Amino acid sequence: MFTSLKRVTYQVADIDKARRWYGEMLNIEPVLDAPFIVMFAIGDAILTLVPGAGPPPKGDERTVATWGVEDRHPRVAA
């Protein structure tokens, strides 16, 4: 059973521009601000921005969601 959304990771074309945009939209500062990763804490979840490599992905290939679960072992075995 899912318990909560833990992290969403976006690949972005311009990490500096994305950091400014998300910082302004969320009205918060990053909890980690490095050249190759920027992280914002939003409640119990983390929004992670990483630079995309190569041409922009098609569709939702640039987004990864990480969920918390009660017990990962039965989920992995299924």
Foldseek 3Di string as FASTA:
>chain_A
DFDFWAEKEFADQDVVVVQVVVCVVVVHHFPDDDPAWTWRDDPNYIYIYGHDPDDDDPDCPRMDIDTHDPDCVVVVVD
